[in-house]
């Protein structure tokens, strides 16, 4: 009597099911990774804009300008606390904001 070689229909269906489940998990993880990556780039871009606006404002204050700063991407607000001390606030929308105390003539990070 010959023994039959090969797989039964049930074994093939189970194998295909496992492959489909693994494949869909991998695709889902890849999509989540790409979404996370794009959000990270967006936050880094906003942070760079805020840092650049802050540095530009500090340089202007150290150069003698006191008020009236403009930046097209970022909201810049300065508040003079004393003769040589300023509070600088830069914001992007309502979600992101940096604040810094700046003493005229001194530049620190």
PDB file of N, CA and C in Angstrom:
ATOM      1  N   UNK A   1       0.812  -1.160   0.000  1.00  0.00           N
ATOM      2  CA  UNK A   1       0.000   0.000   0.000  1.00  0.00           C
ATOM      3  C   UNK A   1       0.881   1.257   0.000  1.00  0.00           C
ATOM      4  N   UNK A   2       0.518   2.188  -0.832  1.00  0.00           N
ATOM      5  CA  UNK A   2       1.270   3.439  -0.941  1.00  0.00           C
ATOM      6  C   UNK A   2       0.778   4.440   0.095  1.00  0.00           C
ATOM      7  N   UNK A   3       1.765   5.126   0.666  1.00  0.00           N
ATOM      8  CA  UNK A   3       1.380   6.202   1.588  1.00  0.00           C
ATOM      9  C   UNK A   3       1.215   7.478   0.777  1.00  0.00           C
ATOM     10  N   UNK A   4       0.233   8.239   1.176  1.00  0.00           N
ATOM     11  CA  UNK A   4      -0.027   9.497   0.460  1.00  0.00           C
ATOM     12  C   UNK A   4       0.890  10.589   1.002  1.00  0.00           C
ATOM     13  N   UNK A   5       1.453  11.326   0.089  1.00  0.00           N
ATOM     14  CA  UNK A   5       2.304  12.449   0.461  1.00  0.00           C
ATOM     15  C   UNK A   5       1.550  13.743   0.191  1.00  0.00           C
ATOM     16  N   UNK A   6       1.904  14.764   0.931  1.00  0.00           N
ATOM     17  CA  UNK A   6       1.274  16.063   0.726  1.00  0.00           C
ATOM     18  C   UNK A   6       0.531  16.510   1.975  1.00  0.00           C
ATOM     19  N   UNK A   7      -0.191  17.594   1.813  1.00  0.00           N
ATOM     20  CA  UNK A   7      -0.902  18.195   2.935  1.00  0.00           C
ATOM     21  C   UNK A   7      -2.398  18.050   2.720  1.00  0.00           C
ATOM     22  N   UNK A   8      -3.119  18.008   3.791  1.00  0.00           N
ATOM     23  CA  UNK A   8      -4.575  17.966   3.687  1.00  0.00           C
ATOM     24  C   UNK A   8      -5.083  19.378   3.470  1.00  0.00           C
ATOM     25  N   UNK A   9      -6.318  19.498   3.089  1.00  0.00           N
ATOM     26  CA  UNK A   9      -6.939  20.795   2.838  1.00  0.00           C
ATOM     27  C   UNK A   9      -6.970  21.636   4.118  1.00  0.00           C
ATOM     28  N   UNK A  10      -7.245  21.039   5.224  1.00  0.00           N
ATOM     29  CA  UNK A  10      -7.296  21.765   6.500  1.00  0.00           C
ATOM     30  C   UNK A  10      -5.922  22.320   6.855  1.00  0.00           C
ATOM     31  N   UNK A  11      -4.869  21.565   6.661  1.00  0.00           N
ATOM     32  CA  UNK A  11      -3.518  22.042   6.947  1.00  0.00           C
ATOM     33  C   UNK A  11      -3.161  23.238   6.068  1.00  0.00           C
ATOM     34  N   UNK A  12      -3.544  23.187   4.799  1.00  0.00           N
ATOM     35  CA  UNK A  12      -3.269  24.303   3.894  1.00  0.00           C
ATOM     36  C   UNK A  12      -4.049  25.550   4.301  1.00  0.00           C
ATOM     37  N   UNK A  13      -5.316  25.381   4.671  1.00  0.00           N
ATOM     38  CA  UNK A  13      -6.131  26.529   5.080  1.00  0.00           C
ATOM     39  C   UNK A  13      -5.548  27.168   6.342  1.00  0.00           C
ATOM     40  N   UNK A  14      -5.129  26.363   7.290  1.00  0.00           N
ATOM     41  CA  UNK A  14      -4.533  26.895   8.521  1.00  0.00           C
ATOM     42  C   UNK A  14      -3.223  27.622   8.217  1.00  0.00           C
ATOM     43  N   UNK A  15      -2.396  27.052   7.366  1.00  0.00           N
ATOM     44  CA  UNK A  15      -1.121  27.689   7.008  1.00  0.00           C
ATOM     45  C   UNK A  15      -1.359  29.027   6.318  1.00  0.00           C
ATOM     46  N   UNK A  16      -2.306  29.065   5.386  1.00  0.00           N
ATOM     47  CA  UNK A  16      -2.614  30.318   4.687  1.00  0.00           C
ATOM     48  C   UNK A  16      -3.170  31.344   5.674  1.00  0.00           C
ATOM     49  N   UNK A  17      -4.011  30.915   6.606  1.00  0.00           N
ATOM     50  CA  UNK A  17      -4.557  31.825   7.619  1.00  0.00           C
ATOM     51  C   UNK A  17      -3.471  32.440   8.480  1.00  0.00           C
ATOM     52  N   UNK A  18      -2.518  31.620   8.892  1.00  0.00           N
ATOM     53  CA  UNK A  18      -1.407  32.132   9.705  1.00  0.00           C
ATOM     54  C   UNK A  18      -0.592  33.142   8.908  1.00  0.00           C
ATOM     55  N   UNK A  19      -0.332  32.857   7.648  1.00  0.00           N
ATOM     56  CA  UNK A  19       0.432  33.774   6.793  1.00  0.00           C
ATOM     57  C   UNK A  19      -0.312  35.092   6.616  1.00  0.00           C
ATOM     58  N   UNK A  20      -1.627  35.036   6.418  1.00  0.00           N
ATOM     59  CA  UNK A  20      -2.425  36.258   6.252  1.00  0.00           C
ATOM     60  C   UNK A  20      -2.395  37.092   7.538  1.00  0.00           C
ATOM     61  N   UNK A  21      -2.532  36.450   8.680  1.00  0.00           N
ATOM     62  CA  UNK A  21      -2.510  37.180   9.956  1.00  0.00           C
ATOM     63  C   UNK A  21      -1.147  37.842  10.177  1.00  0.00           C
ATOM     64  N   UNK A  22      -0.076  37.124   9.924  1.00  0.00           N
ATOM     65  CA  UNK A  22       1.264  37.704  10.075  1.00  0.00           C
ATOM     66  C   UNK A  22       1.481  38.857   9.099  1.00  0.00           C
ATOM     67  N   UNK A  23       1.038  38.678   7.869  1.00  0.00           N
ATOM     68  CA  UNK A  23       1.193  39.732   6.863  1.00  0.00           C
ATOM     69  C   UNK A  23       0.431  40.989   7.232  1.00  0.00           C
ATOM     70  N   UNK A  24      -0.802  40.830   7.704  1.00  0.00           N
ATOM     71  CA  UNK A  24      -1.581  42.013   8.077  1.00  0.00           C
ATOM     72  C   UNK A  24      -0.975  42.708   9.297  1.00  0.00           C
ATOM     73  N   UNK A  25      -0.396  41.959  10.209  1.00  0.00           N
ATOM     74  CA  UNK A  25       0.271  42.563  11.367  1.00  0.00           C
ATOM     75  C   UNK A  25       1.481  43.377  10.933  1.00  0.00           C
ATOM     76  N   UNK A  26       2.241  42.850  10.009  1.00  0.00           N
ATOM     77  CA  UNK A  26       3.430  43.553   9.519  1.00  0.00           C
ATOM     78  C   UNK A  26       3.038  44.827   8.780  1.00  0.00           C
ATOM     79  N   UNK A  27       2.010  44.753   7.939  1.00  0.00           N
ATOM     80  CA  UNK A  27       1.558  45.934   7.197  1.00  0.00           C
ATOM     81  C   UNK A  27       1.042  46.996   8.170  1.00  0.00           C
ATOM     82  N   UNK A  28       0.285  46.590   9.175  1.00  0.00           N
ATOM     83  CA  UNK A  28      -0.234  47.529  10.171  1.00  0.00           C
ATOM     84  C   UNK A  28       0.904  48.209  10.930  1.00  0.00           C
ATOM     85  N   UNK A  29       1.898  47.458  11.316  1.00  0.00           N
ATOM     86  CA  UNK A  29       3.047  48.029  12.025  1.00  0.00           C
ATOM     87  C   UNK A  29       3.800  49.018  11.134  1.00  0.00           C
ATOM     88  N   UNK A  30       3.934  48.712   9.864  1.00  0.00           N
ATOM     89  CA  UNK A  30       4.624  49.595   8.921  1.00  0.00           C
ATOM     90  C   UNK A  30       3.859  50.910   8.756  1.00  0.00           C
ATOM     91  N   UNK A  31       2.535  50.828   8.652  1.00  0.00           N
ATOM     92  CA  UNK A  31       1.717  52.035   8.512  1.00  0.00           C
ATOM     93  C   UNK A  31       1.835  52.898   9.767  1.00  0.00           C
ATOM     94  N   UNK A  32       1.779  52.280  10.944  1.00  0.00           N
ATOM     95  CA  UNK A  32       1.929  53.034  12.196  1.00  0.00           C
ATOM     96  C   UNK A  32       3.304  53.684  12.296  1.00  0.00           C
ATOM     97  N   UNK A  33       4.328  52.991  11.847  1.00  0.00           N
ATOM     98  CA  UNK A  33       5.681  53.542  11.865  1.00  0.00           C
ATOM     99  C   UNK A  33       5.773  54.777  10.980  1.00  0.00           C
ATOM    100  N   UNK A  34       5.203  54.713   9.789  1.00  0.00           N
ATOM    101  CA  UNK A  34       5.238  55.863   8.882  1.00  0.00           C
ATOM    102  C   UNK A  34       4.458  57.042   9.448  1.00  0.00           C
ATOM    103  N   UNK A  35       3.304  56.780  10.064  1.00  0.00           N
ATOM    104  CA  UNK A  35       2.530  57.864  10.671  1.00  0.00           C
ATOM    105  C   UNK A  35       3.305  58.506  11.814  1.00  0.00           C
ATOM    106  N   UNK A  36       3.938  57.703  12.636  1.00  0.00           N
ATOM    107  CA  UNK A  36       4.735  58.230  13.748  1.00  0.00           C
ATOM    108  C   UNK A  36       5.915  59.038  13.234  1.00  0.00           C
ATOM    109  N   UNK A  37       6.539  58.552  12.199  1.00  0.00           N
ATOM    110  CA  UNK A  37       7.696  59.241  11.623  1.00  0.00           C
ATOM    111  C   UNK A  37       7.295  60.616  11.092  1.00  0.00           C
ATOM    112  N   UNK A  38       6.150  60.712  10.417  1.00  0.00           N
ATOM    113  CA  UNK A  38       5.722  62.001   9.879  1.00  0.00           C
ATOM    114  C   UNK A  38       5.367  62.969  11.004  1.00  0.00           C
ATOM    115  N   UNK A  39       4.783  62.467  12.101  1.00  0.00           N
ATOM    116  CA  UNK A  39       4.486  63.341  13.238  1.00  0.00           C
ATOM    117  C   UNK A  39       5.769  63.834  13.893  1.00  0.00           C
ATOM    118  N   UNK A  40       6.762  62.975  13.986  1.00  0.00           N
ATOM    119  CA  UNK A  40       8.050  63.373  14.562  1.00  0.00           C
ATOM    120  C   UNK A  40       8.689  64.467  13.717  1.00  0.00           C
ATOM    121  N   UNK A  41       8.670  64.325  12.398  1.00  0.00           N
ATOM    122  CA  UNK A  41       9.242  65.345  11.523  1.00  0.00           C
ATOM    123  C   UNK A  41       8.496  66.664  11.671  1.00  0.00           C
ATOM    124  N   UNK A  42       7.178  66.599  11.827  1.00  0.00           N
ATOM    125  CA  UNK A  42       6.382  67.810  11.994  1.00  0.00           C
ATOM    126  C   UNK A  42       6.756  68.535  13.290  1.00  0.00           C
ATOM    127  N   UNK A  43       6.875  67.798  14.378  1.00  0.00           N
ATOM    128  CA  UNK A  43       7.237  68.402  15.664  1.00  0.00           C
ATOM    129  C   UNK A  43       8.660  68.956  15.617  1.00  0.00           C
ATOM    130  N   UNK A  44       9.582  68.249  14.972  1.00  0.00           N
ATOM    131  CA  UNK A  44      10.956  68.748  14.842  1.00  0.00           C
ATOM    132  C   UNK A  44      10.987  70.043  14.032  1.00  0.00           C
ATOM    133  N   UNK A  45      10.181  70.119  12.985  1.00  0.00           N
ATOM    134  CA  UNK A  45      10.124  71.319  12.159  1.00  0.00           C
ATOM    135  C   UNK A  45       9.600  72.503  12.975  1.00  0.00           C
ATOM    136  N   UNK A  46       8.538  72.275  13.744  1.00  0.00           N
ATOM    137  CA  UNK A  46       7.990  73.339  14.583  1.00  0.00           C
ATOM    138  C   UNK A  46       9.012  73.763  15.636  1.00  0.00           C
ATOM    139  N   UNK A  47       9.682  72.808  16.249  1.00  0.00           N
ATOM    140  CA  UNK A  47      10.706  73.122  17.249  1.00  0.00           C
ATOM    141  C   UNK A  47      11.832  73.949  16.636  1.00  0.00           C
ATOM    142  N   UNK A  48      12.250  73.616  15.432  1.00  0.00           N
ATOM    143  CA  UNK A  48      13.295  74.392  14.755  1.00  0.00           C
ATOM    144  C   UNK A  48      12.838  75.826  14.514  1.00  0.00           C
ATOM    145  N   UNK A  49      11.581  75.996  14.099  1.00  0.00           N
ATOM    146  CA  UNK A  49      11.053  77.347  13.876  1.00  0.00           C
ATOM    147  C   UNK A  49      11.038  78.145  15.176  1.00  0.00           C
ATOM    148  N   UNK A  50      10.603  77.498  16.258  1.00  0.00           N
ATOM    149  CA  UNK A  50      10.571  78.185  17.549  1.00  0.00           C
ATOM    150  C   UNK A  50      11.975  78.560  18.018  1.00  0.00           C
ATOM    151  N   UNK A  51      12.928  77.640  17.887  1.00  0.00           N
ATOM    152  CA  UNK A  51      14.307  77.913  18.301  1.00  0.00           C
ATOM    153  C   UNK A  51      14.908  79.048  17.476  1.00  0.00           C
ATOM    154  N   UNK A  52      14.666  79.036  16.158  1.00  0.00           N
ATOM    155  CA  UNK A  52      15.196  80.092  15.293  1.00  0.00           C
ATOM    156  C   UNK A  52      14.607  81.448  15.653  1.00  0.00           C
ATOM    157  N   UNK A  53      13.294  81.495  15.895  1.00  0.00           N
ATOM    158  CA  UNK A  53      12.656  82.756  16.268  1.00  0.00           C
ATOM    159  C   UNK A  53      13.180  83.253  17.610  1.00  0.00           C
ATOM    160  N   UNK A  54      13.384  82.335  18.545  1.00  0.00           N
ATOM    161  CA  UNK A  54      13.906  82.712  19.863  1.00  0.00           C
ATOM    162  C   UNK A  54      15.313  83.292  19.730  1.00  0.00           C
ATOM    163  N   UNK A  55      16.164  82.625  18.987  1.00  0.00           N
ATOM    164  CA  UNK A  55      17.544  83.103  18.811  1.00  0.00           C
ATOM    165  C   UNK A  55      17.572  84.447  18.092  1.00  0.00           C
ATOM    166  N   UNK A  56      16.738  84.602  17.081  1.00  0.00           N
ATOM    167  CA  UNK A  56      16.672  85.865  16.346  1.00  0.00           C
ATOM    168  C   UNK A  56      16.230  86.996  17.276  1.00  0.00           C
ATOM    169  N   UNK A  57      15.258  86.732  18.119  1.00  0.00           N
ATOM    170  CA  UNK A  57      14.772  87.739  19.061  1.00  0.00           C
ATOM    171  C   UNK A  57      15.841  88.097  20.088  1.00  0.00           C
ATOM    172  N   UNK A  58      16.546  87.101  20.605  1.00  0.00           N
ATOM    173  CA  UNK A  58      17.618  87.354  21.579  1.00  0.00           C
ATOM    174  C   UNK A  58      18.716  88.207  20.949  1.00  0.00           C
ATOM    175  N   UNK A  59      19.081  87.907  19.720  1.00  0.00           N
ATOM    176  CA  UNK A  59      20.113  88.687  19.023  1.00  0.00           C
ATOM    177  C   UNK A  59      19.650  90.129  18.844  1.00  0.00           C
ATOM    178  N   UNK A  60      18.375  90.322  18.495  1.00  0.00           N
ATOM    179  CA  UNK A  60      17.864  91.683  18.318  1.00  0.00           C
ATOM    180  C   UNK A  60      17.843  92.440  19.641  1.00  0.00           C
ATOM    181  N   UNK A  61      17.454  91.761  20.721  1.00  0.00           N
ATOM    182  CA  UNK A  61      17.456  92.422  22.029  1.00  0.00           C
ATOM    183  C   UNK A  61      18.878  92.816  22.410  1.00  0.00           C
ATOM    184  N   UNK A  62      19.829  91.926  22.201  1.00  0.00           N
ATOM    185  CA  UNK A  62      21.229  92.236  22.510  1.00  0.00           C
ATOM    186  C   UNK A  62      21.775  93.325  21.607  1.00  0.00           C
ATOM    187  N   UNK A  63      21.178  93.486  20.421  1.00  0.00           N
ATOM    188  CA  UNK A  63      21.603  94.533  19.502  1.00  0.00           C
ATOM    189  C   UNK A  63      20.967  95.878  19.784  1.00  0.00           C
ATOM    190  N   UNK A  64      20.044  95.940  20.739  1.00  0.00           N
ATOM    191  CA  UNK A  64      19.457  97.220  21.102  1.00  0.00           C
ATOM    192  C   UNK A  64      17.988  97.362  20.764  1.00  0.00           C
ATOM    193  N   UNK A  65      17.451  96.486  19.931  1.00  0.00           N
ATOM    194  CA  UNK A  65      16.025  96.560  19.634  1.00  0.00           C
ATOM    195  C   UNK A  65      15.255  96.014  20.826  1.00  0.00           C
ATOM    196  N   UNK A  66      14.128  96.646  21.126  1.00  0.00           N
ATOM    197  CA  UNK A  66      13.390  96.229  22.310  1.00  0.00           C
ATOM    198  C   UNK A  66      12.062  95.579  21.951  1.00  0.00           C
ATOM    199  N   UNK A  67      11.307  96.147  21.065  1.00  0.00           N
ATOM    200  CA  UNK A  67       9.977  95.614  20.745  1.00  0.00           C
ATOM    201  C   UNK A  67       9.774  95.602  19.234  1.00  0.00           C
ATOM    202  N   UNK A  68       8.661  95.031  18.825  1.00  0.00           N
ATOM    203  CA  UNK A  68       8.262  95.075  17.426  1.00  0.00           C
ATOM    204  C   UNK A  68       8.878  93.999  16.566  1.00  0.00           C
ATOM    205  N   UNK A  69       9.048  92.816  17.102  1.00  0.00           N
ATOM    206  CA  UNK A  69       9.628  91.724  16.331  1.00  0.00           C
ATOM    207  C   UNK A  69       8.540  91.030  15.527  1.00  0.00           C
ATOM    208  N   UNK A  70       8.885  90.629  14.325  1.00  0.00           N
ATOM    209  CA  UNK A  70       7.933  89.902  13.488  1.00  0.00           C
ATOM    210  C   UNK A  70       8.590  88.657  12.939  1.00  0.00           C
ATOM    211  N   UNK A  71       7.810  87.603  12.906  1.00  0.00           N
ATOM    212  CA  UNK A  71       8.226  86.357  12.287  1.00  0.00           C
ATOM    213  C   UNK A  71       6.978  85.785  11.648  1.00  0.00           C
ATOM    214  N   UNK A  72       7.059  85.405  10.392  1.00  0.00           N
ATOM    215  CA  UNK A  72       5.860  85.006   9.655  1.00  0.00           C
ATOM    216  C   UNK A  72       5.284  83.675  10.118  1.00  0.00           C
ATOM    217  N   UNK A  73       6.113  82.768  10.591  1.00  0.00           N
ATOM    218  CA  UNK A  73       5.631  81.446  10.987  1.00  0.00           C
ATOM    219  C   UNK A  73       5.294  81.347  12.470  1.00  0.00           C
ATOM    220  N   UNK A  74       5.905  82.184  13.278  1.00  0.00           N
ATOM    221  CA  UNK A  74       5.846  82.030  14.730  1.00  0.00           C
ATOM    222  C   UNK A  74       5.375  83.338  15.359  1.00  0.00           C
ATOM    223  N   UNK A  75       4.583  83.243  16.406  1.00  0.00           N
ATOM    224  CA  UNK A  75       4.171  84.420  17.169  1.00  0.00           C
ATOM    225  C   UNK A  75       5.261  84.742  18.186  1.00  0.00           C
ATOM    226  N   UNK A  76       5.760  85.970  18.135  1.00  0.00           N
ATOM    227  CA  UNK A  76       6.829  86.397  19.037  1.00  0.00           C
ATOM    228  C   UNK A  76       6.286  87.509  19.930  1.00  0.00           C
ATOM    229  N   UNK A  77       6.425  87.323  21.240  1.00  0.00           N
ATOM    230  CA  UNK A  77       6.004  88.348  22.199  1.00  0.00           C
ATOM    231  C   UNK A  77       7.171  88.628  23.137  1.00  0.00           C
ATOM    232  N   UNK A  78       7.402  89.914  23.380  1.00  0.00           N
ATOM    233  CA  UNK A  78       8.428  90.293  24.346  1.00  0.00           C
ATOM    234  C   UNK A  78       7.785  91.163  25.418  1.00  0.00           C
ATOM    235  N   UNK A  79       8.245  90.996  26.621  1.00  0.00           N
ATOM    236  CA  UNK A  79       7.754  91.789  27.746  1.00  0.00           C
ATOM    237  C   UNK A  79       8.972  92.290  28.501  1.00  0.00           C
ATOM    238  N   UNK A  80       9.082  93.611  28.605  1.00  0.00           N
ATOM    239  CA  UNK A  80      10.217  94.188  29.312  1.00  0.00           C
ATOM    240  C   UNK A  80       9.920  94.165  30.808  1.00  0.00           C
ATOM    241  N   UNK A  81      10.741  93.435  31.543  1.00  0.00           N
ATOM    242  CA  UNK A  81      10.548  93.289  32.984  1.00  0.00           C
ATOM    243  C   UNK A  81      11.288  94.388  33.736  1.00  0.00           C
ATOM    244  N   UNK A  82      12.493  94.672  33.310  1.00  0.00           N
ATOM    245  CA  UNK A  82      13.262  95.780  33.883  1.00  0.00           C
ATOM    246  C   UNK A  82      14.035  96.426  32.743  1.00  0.00           C
ATOM    247  N   UNK A  83      14.953  97.323  33.090  1.00  0.00           N
ATOM    248  CA  UNK A  83      15.679  98.048  32.046  1.00  0.00           C
ATOM    249  C   UNK A  83      16.447  97.114  31.118  1.00  0.00           C
ATOM    250  N   UNK A  84      17.009  96.047  31.678  1.00  0.00           N
ATOM    251  CA  UNK A  84      17.824  95.157  30.856  1.00  0.00           C
ATOM    252  C   UNK A  84      17.359  93.702  30.890  1.00  0.00           C
ATOM    253  N   UNK A  85      16.148  93.448  31.400  1.00  0.00           N
ATOM    254  CA  UNK A  85      15.637  92.081  31.483  1.00  0.00           C
ATOM    255  C   UNK A  85      14.325  91.969  30.713  1.00  0.00           C
ATOM    256  N   UNK A  86      14.262  90.967  29.841  1.00  0.00           N
ATOM    257  CA  UNK A  86      13.094  90.769  28.989  1.00  0.00           C
ATOM    258  C   UNK A  86      12.600  89.331  29.107  1.00  0.00           C
ATOM    259  N   UNK A  87      11.293  89.160  28.987  1.00  0.00           N
ATOM    260  CA  UNK A  87      10.712  87.828  28.863  1.00  0.00           C
ATOM    261  C   UNK A  87      10.312  87.657  27.402  1.00  0.00           C
ATOM    262  N   UNK A  88      10.855  86.645  26.768  1.00  0.00           N
ATOM    263  CA  UNK A  88      10.568  86.379  25.358  1.00  0.00           C
ATOM    264  C   UNK A  88       9.727  85.115  25.279  1.00  0.00           C
ATOM    265  N   UNK A  89       8.640  85.198  24.533  1.00  0.00           N
ATOM    266  CA  UNK A  89       7.759  84.049  24.343  1.00  0.00           C
ATOM    267  C   UNK A  89       7.533  83.866  22.848  1.00  0.00           C
ATOM    268  N   UNK A  90       7.848  82.685  22.350  1.00  0.00           N
ATOM    269  CA  UNK A  90       7.574  82.360  20.952  1.00  0.00           C
ATOM    270  C   UNK A  90       6.625  81.173  20.933  1.00  0.00           C
ATOM    271  N   UNK A  91       5.607  81.255  20.081  1.00  0.00           N
ATOM    272  CA  UNK A  91       4.622  80.174  20.040  1.00  0.00           C
ATOM    273  C   UNK A  91       4.229  79.874  18.608  1.00  0.00           C
ATOM    274  N   UNK A  92       3.811  78.641  18.415  1.00  0.00           N
ATOM    275  CA  UNK A  92       3.325  78.176  17.122  1.00  0.00           C
ATOM    276  C   UNK A  92       1.955  77.576  17.385  1.00  0.00           C
ATOM    277  N   UNK A  93       0.910  78.310  17.013  1.00  0.00           N
ATOM    278  CA  UNK A  93      -0.436  77.847  17.324  1.00  0.00           C
ATOM    279  C   UNK A  93      -0.667  77.900  18.826  1.00  0.00           C
ATOM    280  N   UNK A  94      -1.566  77.067  19.302  1.00  0.00           N
ATOM    281  CA  UNK A  94      -1.857  77.045  20.733  1.00  0.00           C
ATOM    282  C   UNK A  94      -1.118  75.928  21.453  1.00  0.00           C
ATOM    283  N   UNK A  95      -0.512  75.040  20.690  1.00  0.00           N
ATOM    284  CA  UNK A  95       0.043  73.823  21.261  1.00  0.00           C
ATOM    285  C   UNK A  95       1.508  73.941  21.671  1.00  0.00           C
ATOM    286  N   UNK A  96       2.285  74.731  20.946  1.00  0.00           N
ATOM    287  CA  UNK A  96       3.731  74.769  21.155  1.00  0.00           C
ATOM    288  C   UNK A  96       4.159  76.170  21.573  1.00  0.00           C
ATOM    289  N   UNK A  97       4.976  76.249  22.631  1.00  0.00           N
ATOM    290  CA  UNK A  97       5.437  77.546  23.105  1.00  0.00           C
ATOM    291  C   UNK A  97       6.782  77.399  23.824  1.00  0.00           C
ATOM    292  N   UNK A  98       7.653  78.372  23.597  1.00  0.00           N
ATOM    293  CA  UNK A  98       8.927  78.464  24.317  1.00  0.00           C
ATOM    294  C   UNK A  98       8.971  79.818  25.015  1.00  0.00           C
ATOM    295  N   UNK A  99       9.463  79.826  26.247  1.00  0.00           N
ATOM    296  CA  UNK A  99       9.640  81.075  26.978  1.00  0.00           C
ATOM    297  C   UNK A  99      11.068  81.130  27.494  1.00  0.00           C
ATOM    298  N   UNK A 100      11.586  82.354  27.553  1.00  0.00           N
ATOM    299  CA  UNK A 100      12.964  82.519  28.000  1.00  0.00           C
ATOM    300  C   UNK A 100      13.123  83.913  28.595  1.00  0.00           C
ATOM    301  N   UNK A 101      13.870  84.005  29.683  1.00  0.00           N
ATOM    302  CA  UNK A 101      14.261  85.298  30.232  1.00  0.00           C
ATOM    303  C   UNK A 101      15.595  85.692  29.609  1.00  0.00           C
ATOM    304  N   UNK A 102      15.648  86.906  29.102  1.00  0.00           N
ATOM    305  CA  UNK A 102      16.848  87.369  28.407  1.00  0.00           C
ATOM    306  C   UNK A 102      17.342  88.639  29.093  1.00  0.00           C
ATOM    307  N   UNK A 103      18.601  88.612  29.509  1.00  0.00           N
ATOM    308  CA  UNK A 103      19.227  89.811  30.057  1.00  0.00           C
ATOM    309  C   UNK A 103      20.033  90.446  28.938  1.00  0.00           C
ATOM    310  N   UNK A 104      19.755  91.691  28.678  1.00  0.00           N
ATOM    311  CA  UNK A 104      20.397  92.395  27.577  1.00  0.00           C
ATOM    312  C   UNK A 104      21.906  92.368  27.750  1.00  0.00           C
ATOM    313  N   UNK A 105      22.591  91.963  26.697  1.00  0.00           N
ATOM    314  CA  UNK A 105      24.043  91.896  26.720  1.00  0.00           C
ATOM    315  C   UNK A 105      24.587  90.537  27.113  1.00  0.00           C
ATOM    316  N   UNK A 106      23.717  89.659  27.625  1.00  0.00           N
ATOM    317  CA  UNK A 106      24.152  88.311  28.016  1.00  0.00           C
ATOM    318  C   UNK A 106      23.359  87.311  27.199  1.00  0.00           C
ATOM    319  N   UNK A 107      24.062  86.406  26.569  1.00  0.00           N
ATOM    320  CA  UNK A 107      23.390  85.380  25.765  1.00  0.00           C
ATOM    321  C   UNK A 107      23.709  84.013  26.343  1.00  0.00           C
ATOM    322  N   UNK A 108      22.677  83.345  26.858  1.00  0.00           N
ATOM    323  CA  UNK A 108      22.851  81.991  27.386  1.00  0.00           C
ATOM    324  C   UNK A 108      21.808  81.083  26.779  1.00  0.00           C
ATOM    325  N   UNK A 109      22.091  79.800  26.768  1.00  0.00           N
ATOM    326  CA  UNK A 109      21.124  78.831  26.241  1.00  0.00           C
ATOM    327  C   UNK A 109      20.292  78.250  27.342  1.00  0.00           C
TER     328      UNK A 109
END
